[in-house]
Amino acid sequence: MLTEAEVQRSFSQLFRGGDRSTETFDKAEALLEELRAESPLRHRLSLELDELRKLCDAGS
């Protein structure tokens, strides 16, 4: 299990290069699974991921 700091750093690195592929979103989901269900970080990153998906879908 990864620490919250590791998850947050890895999550940020996934999207830093502008990659918005299905694989990137799958990797981000896998990172969220590393966090406890009640984790505030998991909630925040889930919201960010939803927003990124919306932006990606809108840009398609």
N, C-alpha and C. Protein backbone atom coordinates (compact mmCIF):
# COMPACT_ATOMS: atom_id res chain seq x y z
N MET A 1 0.85 -1.19 0.00
CA MET A 1 0.00 0.00 0.00
C MET A 1 0.89 1.25 0.00
N LEU A 2 0.53 2.18 -0.83
CA LEU A 2 1.28 3.43 -0.94
C LEU A 2 0.82 4.43 0.12
N THR A 3 1.71 5.35 0.46
CA THR A 3 1.32 6.41 1.38
C THR A 3 0.52 7.46 0.61
N GLU A 4 -0.16 8.33 1.33
CA GLU A 4 -0.92 9.40 0.67
C GLU A 4 0.00 10.31 -0.14
N ALA A 5 1.18 10.58 0.39
CA ALA A 5 2.13 11.44 -0.32
C ALA A 5 2.56 10.79 -1.63
N GLU A 6 2.81 9.48 -1.61
CA GLU A 6 3.21 8.78 -2.82
C GLU A 6 2.09 8.79 -3.86
N VAL A 7 0.87 8.57 -3.40
CA VAL A 7 -0.28 8.57 -4.32
C VAL A 7 -0.45 9.95 -4.94
N GLN A 8 -0.37 10.99 -4.11
CA GLN A 8 -0.55 12.34 -4.61
C GLN A 8 0.54 12.70 -5.63
N ARG A 9 1.77 12.34 -5.35
CA ARG A 9 2.88 12.63 -6.26
C ARG A 9 2.70 11.86 -7.58
N SER A 10 2.37 10.59 -7.50
CA SER A 10 2.18 9.77 -8.70
C SER A 10 1.00 10.26 -9.53
N PHE A 11 -0.08 10.64 -8.86
CA PHE A 11 -1.27 11.16 -9.54
C PHE A 11 -0.91 12.42 -10.34
N SER A 12 -0.18 13.32 -9.70
CA SER A 12 0.22 14.56 -10.36
C SER A 12 1.12 14.28 -11.56
N GLN A 13 2.04 13.34 -11.42
CA GLN A 13 2.96 13.02 -12.50
C GLN A 13 2.24 12.41 -13.70
N LEU A 14 1.17 11.67 -13.44
CA LEU A 14 0.42 11.06 -14.55
C LEU A 14 -0.10 12.10 -15.53
N PHE A 15 -0.57 13.21 -15.00
CA PHE A 15 -1.22 14.22 -15.85
C PHE A 15 -0.33 15.41 -16.16
N ARG A 16 0.86 15.43 -15.65
CA ARG A 16 1.76 16.56 -15.84
C ARG A 16 2.10 16.78 -17.31
N GLY A 17 2.28 15.72 -18.07
CA GLY A 17 2.68 15.84 -19.46
C GLY A 17 1.53 16.10 -20.42
N GLY A 18 0.31 16.20 -19.91
CA GLY A 18 -0.83 16.45 -20.77
C GLY A 18 -1.44 15.19 -21.36
N ASP A 19 -0.96 14.02 -20.93
CA ASP A 19 -1.49 12.76 -21.43
C ASP A 19 -2.88 12.53 -20.83
N ARG A 20 -3.85 12.33 -21.69
CA ARG A 20 -5.23 12.11 -21.24
C ARG A 20 -5.79 10.82 -21.85
N SER A 21 -4.94 9.81 -21.99
CA SER A 21 -5.36 8.55 -22.59
C SER A 21 -6.16 7.71 -21.59
N THR A 22 -6.85 6.72 -22.11
CA THR A 22 -7.61 5.80 -21.27
C THR A 22 -6.68 5.11 -20.28
N GLU A 23 -5.49 4.79 -20.72
CA GLU A 23 -4.52 4.13 -19.85
C GLU A 23 -4.14 5.02 -18.67
N THR A 24 -3.99 6.30 -18.92
CA THR A 24 -3.65 7.24 -17.85
C THR A 24 -4.77 7.31 -16.83
N PHE A 25 -6.01 7.37 -17.30
CA PHE A 25 -7.13 7.41 -16.37
C PHE A 25 -7.24 6.10 -15.58
N ASP A 26 -6.93 4.98 -16.21
CA ASP A 26 -6.94 3.69 -15.51
C ASP A 26 -5.87 3.65 -14.42
N LYS A 27 -4.70 4.18 -14.73
CA LYS A 27 -3.62 4.23 -13.74
C LYS A 27 -4.01 5.13 -12.56
N ALA A 28 -4.66 6.25 -12.86
CA ALA A 28 -5.10 7.16 -11.81
C ALA A 28 -6.13 6.47 -10.91
N GLU A 29 -7.06 5.73 -11.50
CA GLU A 29 -8.05 4.98 -10.72
C GLU A 29 -7.36 3.96 -9.81
N ALA A 30 -6.35 3.29 -10.33
CA ALA A 30 -5.62 2.31 -9.54
C ALA A 30 -4.92 2.97 -8.35
N LEU A 31 -4.41 4.17 -8.57
CA LEU A 31 -3.79 4.90 -7.47
C LEU A 31 -4.81 5.23 -6.38
N LEU A 32 -6.00 5.63 -6.80
CA LEU A 32 -7.04 5.97 -5.81
C LEU A 32 -7.42 4.75 -4.98
N GLU A 33 -7.36 3.58 -5.59
CA GLU A 33 -7.68 2.34 -4.87
C GLU A 33 -6.69 2.06 -3.74
N GLU A 34 -5.51 2.66 -3.81
CA GLU A 34 -4.50 2.48 -2.77
C GLU A 34 -4.87 3.22 -1.48
N LEU A 35 -5.77 4.18 -1.59
CA LEU A 35 -6.15 4.99 -0.43
C LEU A 35 -7.38 4.41 0.27
N ARG A 36 -7.46 4.67 1.56
CA ARG A 36 -8.64 4.25 2.33
C ARG A 36 -9.87 4.94 1.76
N ALA A 37 -11.00 4.27 1.85
CA ALA A 37 -12.26 4.81 1.31
C ALA A 37 -12.63 6.14 1.96
N GLU A 38 -12.29 6.31 3.22
CA GLU A 38 -12.67 7.53 3.94
C GLU A 38 -11.61 8.63 3.86
N SER A 39 -10.56 8.39 3.09
CA SER A 39 -9.47 9.36 2.98
C SER A 39 -9.94 10.64 2.28
N PRO A 40 -9.67 11.79 2.91
CA PRO A 40 -10.00 13.07 2.25
C PRO A 40 -9.23 13.24 0.93
N LEU A 41 -8.00 12.73 0.89
CA LEU A 41 -7.22 12.82 -0.35
C LEU A 41 -7.88 12.01 -1.46
N ARG A 42 -8.38 10.83 -1.13
CA ARG A 42 -9.07 10.01 -2.13
C ARG A 42 -10.28 10.76 -2.68
N HIS A 43 -11.02 11.40 -1.80
CA HIS A 43 -12.20 12.16 -2.23
C HIS A 43 -11.78 13.31 -3.16
N ARG A 44 -10.75 14.05 -2.77
CA ARG A 44 -10.31 15.20 -3.56
C ARG A 44 -9.78 14.76 -4.92
N LEU A 45 -8.95 13.72 -4.94
CA LEU A 45 -8.40 13.26 -6.21
C LEU A 45 -9.48 12.64 -7.10
N SER A 46 -10.48 12.03 -6.50
CA SER A 46 -11.60 11.49 -7.29
C SER A 46 -12.35 12.62 -7.99
N LEU A 47 -12.55 13.72 -7.28
CA LEU A 47 -13.20 14.88 -7.88
C LEU A 47 -12.34 15.46 -9.01
N GLU A 48 -11.03 15.54 -8.78
CA GLU A 48 -10.13 16.04 -9.82
C GLU A 48 -10.18 15.14 -11.06
N LEU A 49 -10.18 13.84 -10.82
CA LEU A 49 -10.22 12.89 -11.93
C LEU A 49 -11.51 13.03 -12.73
N ASP A 50 -12.62 13.22 -12.04
CA ASP A 50 -13.91 13.44 -12.72
C ASP A 50 -13.85 14.70 -13.58
N GLU A 51 -13.27 15.77 -13.04
CA GLU A 51 -13.16 17.01 -13.79
C GLU A 51 -12.26 16.85 -15.02
N LEU A 52 -11.15 16.13 -14.84
CA LEU A 52 -10.25 15.89 -15.98
C LEU A 52 -10.95 15.09 -17.06
N ARG A 53 -11.74 14.12 -16.67
CA ARG A 53 -12.49 13.33 -17.65
C ARG A 53 -13.48 14.20 -18.40
N LYS A 54 -14.18 15.08 -17.68
CA LYS A 54 -15.14 15.98 -18.32
C LYS A 54 -14.44 16.90 -19.32
N LEU A 55 -13.30 17.44 -18.92
CA LEU A 55 -12.54 18.31 -19.81
C LEU A 55 -12.06 17.55 -21.03
N CYS A 56 -11.63 16.33 -20.82
CA CYS A 56 -11.16 15.50 -21.94
C CYS A 56 -12.30 15.17 -22.88
N ASP A 57 -13.46 14.83 -22.33
CA ASP A 57 -14.63 14.52 -23.15
C ASP A 57 -15.12 15.74 -23.92
N ALA A 58 -15.06 16.90 -23.27
CA ALA A 58 -15.52 18.14 -23.91
C ALA A 58 -14.58 18.54 -25.04
N GLY A 59 -13.30 18.20 -24.91
CA GLY A 59 -12.33 18.56 -25.92
C GLY A 59 -12.29 17.61 -27.10
N SER A 60 -12.99 16.50 -26.97
CA SER A 60 -12.97 15.50 -28.05
C SER A 60 -13.92 15.85 -29.17
